[in-house]
């Protein structure tokens, strides 16, 4: 990877759990936040052609690309793209260095010491409510999307979830 790609990837992985509410915006989305089902697992990590990693580096050298697997089709593509791109660009602006090593299999199968050695320590929230709480933490995503947008989005998302559950009753 180029230095720019490495900076982008580091920042993206550091901040990805904080933007889960935008990338997985429905309660049903969290059925995918599990290990061993080829979705993306519970840890924010990356790997080459690793379907268990949140970010997958795929394609031949020189023509590779990142596949962000920690999102689903219910996400608004404009918001999701802005969140992912913005988080990565923050890393490029800061000139961050990639300190998270590649994971070849399931991150959950690594020992706690091995995950720490590889720099893999961020977990994804496993419910929409937890994702909304995490999104309210003061992180760079608020600078990317704007604090007012974040607050309004999370409020509407919470009401939408409540109405969806009310219909099920």
N, C-alpha and C. Protein backbone atom coordinates (compact mmCIF):
# COMPACT_ATOMS: atom_id res chain seq x y z
N UNK A 1 0.83 -1.19 0.00
CA UNK A 1 0.00 0.00 0.00
C UNK A 1 0.88 1.25 0.00
N UNK A 2 0.36 2.29 -0.57
CA UNK A 2 1.07 3.56 -0.55
C UNK A 2 0.94 4.19 0.84
N UNK A 3 1.79 5.15 1.16
CA UNK A 3 1.66 5.85 2.45
C UNK A 3 0.27 6.49 2.63
N UNK A 4 -0.30 7.04 1.57
CA UNK A 4 -1.63 7.64 1.67
C UNK A 4 -2.69 6.59 2.00
N UNK A 5 -2.59 5.45 1.35
CA UNK A 5 -3.55 4.36 1.62
C UNK A 5 -3.40 3.87 3.06
N UNK A 6 -2.19 3.79 3.53
CA UNK A 6 -1.94 3.32 4.90
C UNK A 6 -2.51 4.31 5.91
N UNK A 7 -2.32 5.60 5.68
CA UNK A 7 -2.88 6.64 6.57
C UNK A 7 -4.40 6.60 6.55
N UNK A 8 -4.97 6.46 5.36
CA UNK A 8 -6.42 6.38 5.21
C UNK A 8 -6.97 5.19 5.99
N UNK A 9 -6.35 4.04 5.80
CA UNK A 9 -6.81 2.81 6.43
C UNK A 9 -6.72 2.90 7.96
N UNK A 10 -5.62 3.42 8.47
CA UNK A 10 -5.46 3.54 9.93
C UNK A 10 -6.58 4.39 10.53
N UNK A 11 -6.82 5.54 9.95
CA UNK A 11 -7.86 6.44 10.47
C UNK A 11 -9.24 5.82 10.33
N UNK A 12 -9.49 5.17 9.21
CA UNK A 12 -10.78 4.52 9.00
C UNK A 12 -11.03 3.46 10.07
N UNK A 13 -10.05 2.61 10.33
CA UNK A 13 -10.23 1.55 11.32
C UNK A 13 -10.38 2.10 12.74
N UNK A 14 -9.65 3.16 13.06
CA UNK A 14 -9.76 3.77 14.38
C UNK A 14 -11.17 4.32 14.62
N UNK A 15 -11.78 4.86 13.57
CA UNK A 15 -13.04 5.57 13.72
C UNK A 15 -14.27 4.79 13.27
N UNK A 16 -14.09 3.68 12.59
CA UNK A 16 -15.22 2.93 12.04
C UNK A 16 -16.27 2.53 13.08
N UNK A 17 -15.89 2.05 14.26
CA UNK A 17 -16.93 1.70 15.24
C UNK A 17 -17.81 2.89 15.63
N UNK A 18 -17.26 4.11 15.61
CA UNK A 18 -18.03 5.29 15.98
C UNK A 18 -19.06 5.69 14.92
N UNK A 19 -18.92 5.17 13.71
CA UNK A 19 -19.86 5.50 12.64
C UNK A 19 -20.78 4.34 12.30
N UNK A 20 -20.81 3.33 13.13
CA UNK A 20 -21.64 2.16 12.86
C UNK A 20 -23.11 2.51 12.73
N UNK A 21 -23.59 3.48 13.49
CA UNK A 21 -25.01 3.87 13.42
C UNK A 21 -25.39 4.37 12.03
N UNK A 22 -24.44 4.89 11.28
CA UNK A 22 -24.71 5.38 9.92
C UNK A 22 -24.57 4.27 8.89
N UNK A 23 -23.70 3.31 9.17
CA UNK A 23 -23.41 2.24 8.22
C UNK A 23 -24.31 1.03 8.39
N UNK A 24 -24.84 0.86 9.60
CA UNK A 24 -25.77 -0.22 9.93
C UNK A 24 -26.95 0.44 10.65
N UNK A 25 -27.86 1.08 9.92
CA UNK A 25 -28.86 1.96 10.54
C UNK A 25 -30.14 1.30 11.04
N UNK A 26 -30.28 -0.01 10.93
CA UNK A 26 -31.49 -0.66 11.42
C UNK A 26 -31.13 -1.73 12.44
N UNK A 27 -32.09 -2.06 13.29
CA UNK A 27 -31.85 -3.08 14.31
C UNK A 27 -31.46 -4.42 13.67
N UNK A 28 -32.08 -4.75 12.56
CA UNK A 28 -31.78 -6.01 11.87
C UNK A 28 -30.35 -6.04 11.33
N UNK A 29 -29.75 -4.88 11.09
CA UNK A 29 -28.38 -4.82 10.59
C UNK A 29 -27.40 -5.49 11.53
N UNK A 30 -27.71 -5.51 12.81
CA UNK A 30 -26.78 -6.01 13.81
C UNK A 30 -26.76 -7.53 13.91
N UNK A 31 -27.60 -8.18 13.14
CA UNK A 31 -27.51 -9.64 13.02
C UNK A 31 -26.20 -10.03 12.33
N UNK A 32 -25.60 -9.08 11.60
CA UNK A 32 -24.35 -9.33 10.89
C UNK A 32 -23.11 -9.08 11.73
N UNK A 33 -23.27 -8.46 12.89
CA UNK A 33 -22.11 -8.15 13.73
C UNK A 33 -21.81 -9.38 14.59
N UNK A 34 -21.31 -10.40 13.91
CA UNK A 34 -20.96 -11.66 14.56
C UNK A 34 -19.71 -12.21 13.90
N UNK A 35 -19.04 -13.05 14.61
CA UNK A 35 -17.82 -13.66 14.09
C UNK A 35 -18.13 -14.99 13.41
N UNK A 36 -17.39 -15.28 12.36
CA UNK A 36 -17.47 -16.58 11.72
C UNK A 36 -18.59 -16.77 10.71
N UNK A 37 -19.22 -15.69 10.25
CA UNK A 37 -20.30 -15.84 9.27
C UNK A 37 -19.99 -15.11 7.96
N UNK A 38 -18.74 -14.76 7.76
CA UNK A 38 -18.27 -14.09 6.55
C UNK A 38 -18.92 -12.72 6.36
N UNK A 39 -19.24 -12.06 7.44
CA UNK A 39 -19.78 -10.71 7.30
C UNK A 39 -18.64 -9.73 7.54
N UNK A 40 -18.28 -9.47 8.78
CA UNK A 40 -17.12 -8.64 9.08
C UNK A 40 -16.65 -8.80 10.51
N UNK A 41 -17.31 -9.60 11.28
CA UNK A 41 -16.86 -9.88 12.64
C UNK A 41 -17.13 -8.76 13.62
N UNK A 42 -16.53 -8.86 14.77
CA UNK A 42 -16.78 -7.91 15.85
C UNK A 42 -15.63 -6.95 16.09
N UNK A 43 -14.48 -7.17 15.48
CA UNK A 43 -13.32 -6.30 15.66
C UNK A 43 -13.06 -5.45 14.43
N UNK A 44 -12.65 -4.22 14.65
CA UNK A 44 -12.26 -3.32 13.56
C UNK A 44 -10.84 -3.70 13.13
N UNK A 45 -10.76 -4.46 12.05
CA UNK A 45 -9.46 -4.91 11.56
C UNK A 45 -9.50 -4.96 10.03
N UNK A 46 -8.36 -5.24 9.43
CA UNK A 46 -8.29 -5.34 7.98
C UNK A 46 -7.53 -6.61 7.61
N UNK A 47 -7.74 -7.03 6.37
CA UNK A 47 -7.02 -8.19 5.86
C UNK A 47 -7.10 -8.24 4.34
N UNK A 48 -6.16 -8.93 3.76
CA UNK A 48 -6.16 -9.13 2.31
C UNK A 48 -7.10 -10.30 2.00
N UNK A 49 -8.08 -10.03 1.19
CA UNK A 49 -9.05 -11.05 0.80
C UNK A 49 -9.61 -11.80 2.01
N UNK A 50 -9.76 -11.13 3.13
CA UNK A 50 -10.29 -11.72 4.36
C UNK A 50 -11.74 -11.28 4.52
N UNK A 51 -12.67 -12.18 4.29
CA UNK A 51 -14.09 -11.85 4.40
C UNK A 51 -14.55 -11.65 5.84
N UNK A 52 -13.69 -11.95 6.78
CA UNK A 52 -14.01 -11.75 8.20
C UNK A 52 -13.52 -10.40 8.72
N UNK A 53 -12.85 -9.63 7.89
CA UNK A 53 -12.31 -8.33 8.31
C UNK A 53 -13.29 -7.22 7.96
N UNK A 54 -13.32 -6.18 8.78
CA UNK A 54 -14.21 -5.05 8.55
C UNK A 54 -13.83 -4.31 7.27
N UNK A 55 -12.53 -4.25 6.99
CA UNK A 55 -12.04 -3.64 5.74
C UNK A 55 -11.16 -4.67 5.06
N UNK A 56 -11.49 -4.92 3.84
CA UNK A 56 -10.80 -5.95 3.06
C UNK A 56 -10.00 -5.28 1.95
N UNK A 57 -8.72 -5.60 1.84
CA UNK A 57 -7.88 -5.14 0.75
C UNK A 57 -7.93 -6.23 -0.31
N UNK A 58 -8.45 -5.90 -1.45
CA UNK A 58 -8.63 -6.93 -2.47
C UNK A 58 -8.18 -6.41 -3.84
N UNK A 59 -7.87 -7.32 -4.72
CA UNK A 59 -7.42 -6.97 -6.06
C UNK A 59 -5.92 -7.13 -6.18
N UNK A 60 -5.43 -7.10 -7.42
CA UNK A 60 -3.99 -7.29 -7.65
C UNK A 60 -3.20 -6.05 -7.21
N UNK A 61 -1.95 -6.23 -6.83
CA UNK A 61 -1.11 -5.09 -6.43
C UNK A 61 -1.11 -4.01 -7.52
N UNK A 62 -1.24 -2.78 -7.09
CA UNK A 62 -1.29 -1.67 -8.04
C UNK A 62 -2.69 -1.36 -8.52
N UNK A 63 -3.59 -2.32 -8.38
CA UNK A 63 -5.00 -2.11 -8.79
C UNK A 63 -5.93 -2.58 -7.67
N UNK A 64 -5.42 -2.61 -6.46
CA UNK A 64 -6.23 -3.08 -5.34
C UNK A 64 -7.19 -1.97 -4.88
N UNK A 65 -8.11 -2.37 -4.02
CA UNK A 65 -9.06 -1.41 -3.46
C UNK A 65 -9.50 -1.89 -2.09
N UNK A 66 -10.07 -0.95 -1.34
CA UNK A 66 -10.62 -1.29 -0.03
C UNK A 66 -12.09 -1.62 -0.19
N UNK A 67 -12.51 -2.65 0.47
CA UNK A 67 -13.93 -3.01 0.53
C UNK A 67 -14.33 -2.88 2.00
N UNK A 68 -15.19 -1.91 2.28
CA UNK A 68 -15.65 -1.71 3.65
C UNK A 68 -16.84 -2.64 3.85
N UNK A 69 -16.64 -3.66 4.66
CA UNK A 69 -17.65 -4.69 4.84
C UNK A 69 -18.58 -4.39 6.01
N UNK A 70 -18.24 -3.40 6.83
CA UNK A 70 -19.02 -3.07 8.02
C UNK A 70 -20.16 -2.12 7.70
N UNK A 71 -20.91 -2.43 6.67
CA UNK A 71 -22.11 -1.67 6.32
C UNK A 71 -23.05 -2.58 5.56
N UNK A 72 -24.30 -2.17 5.46
CA UNK A 72 -25.24 -2.99 4.70
C UNK A 72 -26.09 -2.12 3.79
N UNK A 73 -26.96 -2.77 3.05
CA UNK A 73 -27.77 -2.10 2.03
C UNK A 73 -28.84 -1.18 2.57
N UNK A 74 -29.06 -1.16 3.89
CA UNK A 74 -30.04 -0.24 4.44
C UNK A 74 -29.45 1.13 4.73
N UNK A 75 -28.14 1.24 4.62
CA UNK A 75 -27.47 2.52 4.86
C UNK A 75 -27.74 3.49 3.71
N UNK A 76 -27.89 4.75 4.04
CA UNK A 76 -28.00 5.78 3.02
C UNK A 76 -26.62 5.87 2.36
N UNK A 77 -26.52 5.65 1.05
CA UNK A 77 -25.20 5.60 0.42
C UNK A 77 -24.44 6.92 0.51
N UNK A 78 -25.13 8.04 0.52
CA UNK A 78 -24.46 9.33 0.59
C UNK A 78 -23.85 9.55 1.98
N UNK A 79 -24.61 9.21 3.01
CA UNK A 79 -24.11 9.36 4.37
C UNK A 79 -22.98 8.37 4.62
N UNK A 80 -23.16 7.14 4.19
CA UNK A 80 -22.13 6.11 4.39
C UNK A 80 -20.83 6.50 3.68
N UNK A 81 -20.94 6.95 2.45
CA UNK A 81 -19.75 7.34 1.69
C UNK A 81 -19.07 8.53 2.35
N UNK A 82 -19.86 9.52 2.79
CA UNK A 82 -19.28 10.68 3.46
C UNK A 82 -18.56 10.28 4.74
N UNK A 83 -19.16 9.38 5.51
CA UNK A 83 -18.55 8.93 6.77
C UNK A 83 -17.24 8.20 6.50
N UNK A 84 -17.25 7.26 5.59
CA UNK A 84 -16.05 6.46 5.29
C UNK A 84 -14.95 7.34 4.70
N UNK A 85 -15.30 8.12 3.70
CA UNK A 85 -14.31 8.97 3.04
C UNK A 85 -13.75 10.02 4.02
N UNK A 86 -14.64 10.64 4.77
CA UNK A 86 -14.21 11.66 5.72
C UNK A 86 -13.27 11.12 6.78
N UNK A 87 -13.59 9.95 7.32
CA UNK A 87 -12.73 9.36 8.35
C UNK A 87 -11.35 9.01 7.80
N UNK A 88 -11.31 8.50 6.59
CA UNK A 88 -10.03 8.19 5.98
C UNK A 88 -9.21 9.43 5.67
N UNK A 89 -9.87 10.48 5.21
CA UNK A 89 -9.16 11.72 4.88
C UNK A 89 -8.56 12.38 6.11
N UNK A 90 -9.20 12.20 7.25
CA UNK A 90 -8.64 12.74 8.50
C UNK A 90 -7.26 12.13 8.73
N UNK A 91 -7.13 10.85 8.48
CA UNK A 91 -5.84 10.18 8.64
C UNK A 91 -4.79 10.70 7.68
N UNK A 92 -5.21 10.97 6.45
CA UNK A 92 -4.28 11.50 5.46
C UNK A 92 -3.82 12.90 5.87
N UNK A 93 -4.77 13.74 6.32
CA UNK A 93 -4.42 15.09 6.78
C UNK A 93 -3.41 15.06 7.92
N UNK A 94 -3.59 14.12 8.84
CA UNK A 94 -2.71 14.03 10.01
C UNK A 94 -1.42 13.27 9.71
N UNK A 95 -1.37 12.61 8.55
CA UNK A 95 -0.19 11.84 8.20
C UNK A 95 0.00 10.61 9.08
N UNK A 96 -1.12 10.01 9.47
CA UNK A 96 -1.07 8.85 10.35
C UNK A 96 -0.34 7.67 9.73
N UNK A 97 0.22 6.87 10.60
CA UNK A 97 0.92 5.65 10.19
C UNK A 97 0.05 4.44 10.51
N UNK A 98 0.02 3.48 9.64
CA UNK A 98 -0.74 2.26 9.86
C UNK A 98 -0.08 1.44 10.96
N UNK A 99 -0.76 1.32 12.09
CA UNK A 99 -0.21 0.55 13.21
C UNK A 99 -1.04 -0.69 13.49
N UNK A 100 -2.08 -0.91 12.70
CA UNK A 100 -2.90 -2.10 12.83
C UNK A 100 -2.44 -3.10 11.77
N UNK A 101 -1.95 -4.23 12.23
CA UNK A 101 -1.44 -5.25 11.31
C UNK A 101 -2.58 -6.01 10.66
N UNK A 102 -2.25 -6.60 9.54
CA UNK A 102 -3.21 -7.44 8.81
C UNK A 102 -3.64 -8.64 9.66
N UNK A 103 -4.92 -8.98 9.53
CA UNK A 103 -5.46 -10.18 10.19
C UNK A 103 -5.87 -11.13 9.08
N UNK A 104 -5.39 -12.36 9.15
CA UNK A 104 -5.65 -13.32 8.08
C UNK A 104 -6.89 -14.17 8.30
N UNK A 105 -7.32 -14.32 9.52
CA UNK A 105 -8.50 -15.13 9.82
C UNK A 105 -9.46 -14.34 10.69
N UNK A 106 -10.04 -15.03 11.66
CA UNK A 106 -10.95 -14.38 12.59
C UNK A 106 -10.15 -13.66 13.68
N UNK A 107 -10.39 -12.37 13.84
CA UNK A 107 -9.71 -11.62 14.89
C UNK A 107 -10.07 -12.14 16.26
N UNK A 108 -11.29 -12.63 16.42
CA UNK A 108 -11.73 -13.15 17.71
C UNK A 108 -10.96 -14.41 18.11
N UNK A 109 -10.41 -15.13 17.14
CA UNK A 109 -9.65 -16.34 17.44
C UNK A 109 -8.23 -16.04 17.93
N UNK A 110 -7.77 -14.80 17.74
CA UNK A 110 -6.45 -14.43 18.23
C UNK A 110 -6.52 -14.25 19.75
N UNK A 111 -5.43 -14.54 20.41
CA UNK A 111 -5.38 -14.30 21.86
C UNK A 111 -5.42 -12.79 22.11
N UNK A 112 -5.77 -12.40 23.31
CA UNK A 112 -5.81 -10.98 23.66
C UNK A 112 -4.43 -10.35 23.44
N UNK A 113 -3.37 -11.09 23.76
CA UNK A 113 -2.01 -10.59 23.58
C UNK A 113 -1.69 -10.39 22.10
N UNK A 114 -2.11 -11.34 21.26
CA UNK A 114 -1.85 -11.24 19.83
C UNK A 114 -2.63 -10.07 19.22
N UNK A 115 -3.90 -9.89 19.62
CA UNK A 115 -4.67 -8.75 19.14
C UNK A 115 -3.99 -7.44 19.54
N UNK A 116 -3.52 -7.37 20.78
CA UNK A 116 -2.84 -6.16 21.25
C UNK A 116 -1.57 -5.92 20.45
N UNK A 117 -0.82 -6.97 20.18
CA UNK A 117 0.43 -6.83 19.40
C UNK A 117 0.14 -6.33 18.00
N UNK A 118 -0.97 -6.76 17.43
CA UNK A 118 -1.35 -6.36 16.07
C UNK A 118 -2.08 -5.01 16.04
N UNK A 119 -2.40 -4.47 17.20
CA UNK A 119 -3.10 -3.19 17.26
C UNK A 119 -4.59 -3.29 17.05
N UNK A 120 -5.13 -4.49 17.17
CA UNK A 120 -6.56 -4.72 16.97
C UNK A 120 -7.24 -4.71 18.34
N UNK A 121 -7.96 -3.63 18.63
CA UNK A 121 -8.60 -3.55 19.94
C UNK A 121 -9.99 -2.93 19.90
N UNK A 122 -10.39 -2.34 18.80
CA UNK A 122 -11.71 -1.70 18.73
C UNK A 122 -12.78 -2.72 18.36
N UNK A 123 -13.83 -2.75 19.18
CA UNK A 123 -14.97 -3.62 18.93
C UNK A 123 -16.13 -2.82 18.35
N UNK A 124 -16.90 -3.45 17.49
CA UNK A 124 -18.11 -2.83 16.96
C UNK A 124 -19.24 -2.99 17.96
N UNK A 125 -20.13 -2.01 18.04
CA UNK A 125 -21.33 -2.20 18.86
C UNK A 125 -22.18 -3.31 18.26
N UNK A 126 -22.90 -4.04 19.11
CA UNK A 126 -23.67 -5.17 18.62
C UNK A 126 -25.17 -4.92 18.60
N UNK A 127 -25.59 -3.70 18.95
CA UNK A 127 -27.00 -3.31 18.85
C UNK A 127 -27.07 -1.89 18.31
N UNK A 128 -28.20 -1.55 17.75
CA UNK A 128 -28.39 -0.20 17.22
C UNK A 128 -28.33 0.83 18.34
N UNK A 129 -28.92 0.52 19.49
CA UNK A 129 -28.88 1.46 20.62
C UNK A 129 -27.44 1.72 21.05
N UNK A 130 -26.62 0.69 21.11
CA UNK A 130 -25.21 0.85 21.47
C UNK A 130 -24.47 1.66 20.41
N UNK A 131 -24.81 1.45 19.15
CA UNK A 131 -24.18 2.21 18.06
C UNK A 131 -24.53 3.69 18.16
N UNK A 132 -25.79 3.98 18.49
CA UNK A 132 -26.18 5.39 18.66
C UNK A 132 -25.44 6.03 19.83
N UNK A 133 -25.29 5.30 20.94
CA UNK A 133 -24.55 5.84 22.08
C UNK A 133 -23.10 6.12 21.70
N UNK A 134 -22.50 5.20 20.96
CA UNK A 134 -21.11 5.38 20.54
C UNK A 134 -20.98 6.54 19.57
N UNK A 135 -21.97 6.75 18.72
CA UNK A 135 -21.94 7.85 17.76
C UNK A 135 -22.03 9.21 18.43
N UNK A 136 -22.52 9.24 19.66
CA UNK A 136 -22.64 10.52 20.37
C UNK A 136 -21.33 10.95 21.04
N UNK A 137 -20.36 10.04 21.11
CA UNK A 137 -19.05 10.38 21.67
C UNK A 137 -18.41 11.41 20.75
N UNK A 138 -17.68 12.34 21.34
CA UNK A 138 -17.05 13.39 20.54
C UNK A 138 -15.86 12.81 19.77
N UNK A 139 -16.07 12.51 18.52
CA UNK A 139 -15.06 11.91 17.66
C UNK A 139 -14.96 12.70 16.35
N UNK A 140 -13.98 12.37 15.54
CA UNK A 140 -13.85 13.08 14.26
C UNK A 140 -15.07 12.96 13.35
N UNK A 141 -15.91 11.95 13.54
CA UNK A 141 -17.09 11.81 12.68
C UNK A 141 -18.01 13.02 12.83
N UNK A 142 -18.02 13.63 13.99
CA UNK A 142 -18.83 14.83 14.19
C UNK A 142 -18.27 16.00 13.39
N UNK A 143 -16.96 16.04 13.22
CA UNK A 143 -16.36 17.07 12.38
C UNK A 143 -16.64 16.80 10.90
N UNK A 144 -16.66 15.53 10.54
CA UNK A 144 -16.90 15.14 9.15
C UNK A 144 -18.34 15.44 8.73
N UNK A 145 -19.29 14.99 9.52
CA UNK A 145 -20.71 15.12 9.17
C UNK A 145 -21.35 16.38 9.74
N UNK A 146 -20.75 16.95 10.77
CA UNK A 146 -21.31 18.12 11.43
C UNK A 146 -22.09 17.71 12.67
N UNK A 147 -21.87 18.41 13.75
CA UNK A 147 -22.50 18.05 15.03
C UNK A 147 -24.02 18.11 14.96
N UNK A 148 -24.56 19.12 14.28
CA UNK A 148 -26.01 19.24 14.18
C UNK A 148 -26.59 18.08 13.37
N UNK A 149 -25.94 17.73 12.27
CA UNK A 149 -26.41 16.60 11.46
C UNK A 149 -26.40 15.32 12.29
N UNK A 150 -25.31 15.08 13.02
CA UNK A 150 -25.19 13.86 13.82
C UNK A 150 -26.34 13.78 14.82
N UNK A 151 -26.59 14.86 15.53
CA UNK A 151 -27.66 14.85 16.53
C UNK A 151 -29.02 14.60 15.89
N UNK A 152 -29.30 15.28 14.77
CA UNK A 152 -30.59 15.10 14.09
C UNK A 152 -30.73 13.69 13.53
N UNK A 153 -29.67 13.17 12.93
CA UNK A 153 -29.71 11.82 12.37
C UNK A 153 -30.01 10.79 13.46
N UNK A 154 -29.29 10.89 14.57
CA UNK A 154 -29.47 9.93 15.65
C UNK A 154 -30.87 10.02 16.26
N UNK A 155 -31.40 11.23 16.35
CA UNK A 155 -32.77 11.40 16.88
C UNK A 155 -33.79 10.76 15.96
N UNK A 156 -33.68 11.01 14.68
CA UNK A 156 -34.61 10.42 13.71
C UNK A 156 -34.47 8.91 13.68
N UNK A 157 -33.24 8.42 13.75
CA UNK A 157 -33.01 6.98 13.75
C UNK A 157 -33.66 6.33 14.96
N UNK A 158 -33.56 6.96 16.11
CA UNK A 158 -34.17 6.41 17.33
C UNK A 158 -35.69 6.38 17.22
N UNK A 159 -36.28 7.44 16.71
CA UNK A 159 -37.74 7.48 16.54
C UNK A 159 -38.18 6.42 15.53
N UNK A 160 -37.43 6.30 14.44
CA UNK A 160 -37.77 5.30 13.41
C UNK A 160 -37.73 3.90 13.99
N UNK A 161 -36.74 3.60 14.81
CA UNK A 161 -36.65 2.28 15.43
C UNK A 161 -37.84 2.05 16.37
N UNK A 162 -38.19 3.08 17.14
CA UNK A 162 -39.32 2.96 18.06
C UNK A 162 -40.61 2.69 17.28
N UNK A 163 -40.84 3.42 16.20
CA UNK A 163 -42.05 3.23 15.39
C UNK A 163 -42.08 1.85 14.74
N UNK A 164 -40.94 1.39 14.30
CA UNK A 164 -40.86 0.04 13.70
C UNK A 164 -41.23 -1.02 14.73
N UNK A 165 -40.72 -0.89 15.93
CA UNK A 165 -41.05 -1.86 16.98
C UNK A 165 -42.51 -1.74 17.41
N UNK A 166 -43.03 -0.51 17.41
CA UNK A 166 -44.43 -0.33 17.79
C UNK A 166 -45.36 -1.04 16.82
N UNK A 167 -45.01 -1.05 15.54
CA UNK A 167 -45.82 -1.74 14.54
C UNK A 167 -45.82 -3.25 14.76
N UNK A 168 -44.71 -3.76 15.29
CA UNK A 168 -44.60 -5.20 15.55
C UNK A 168 -45.43 -5.64 16.74
N UNK A 169 -45.74 -4.71 17.65
CA UNK A 169 -46.54 -5.05 18.83
C UNK A 169 -47.94 -5.25 18.40
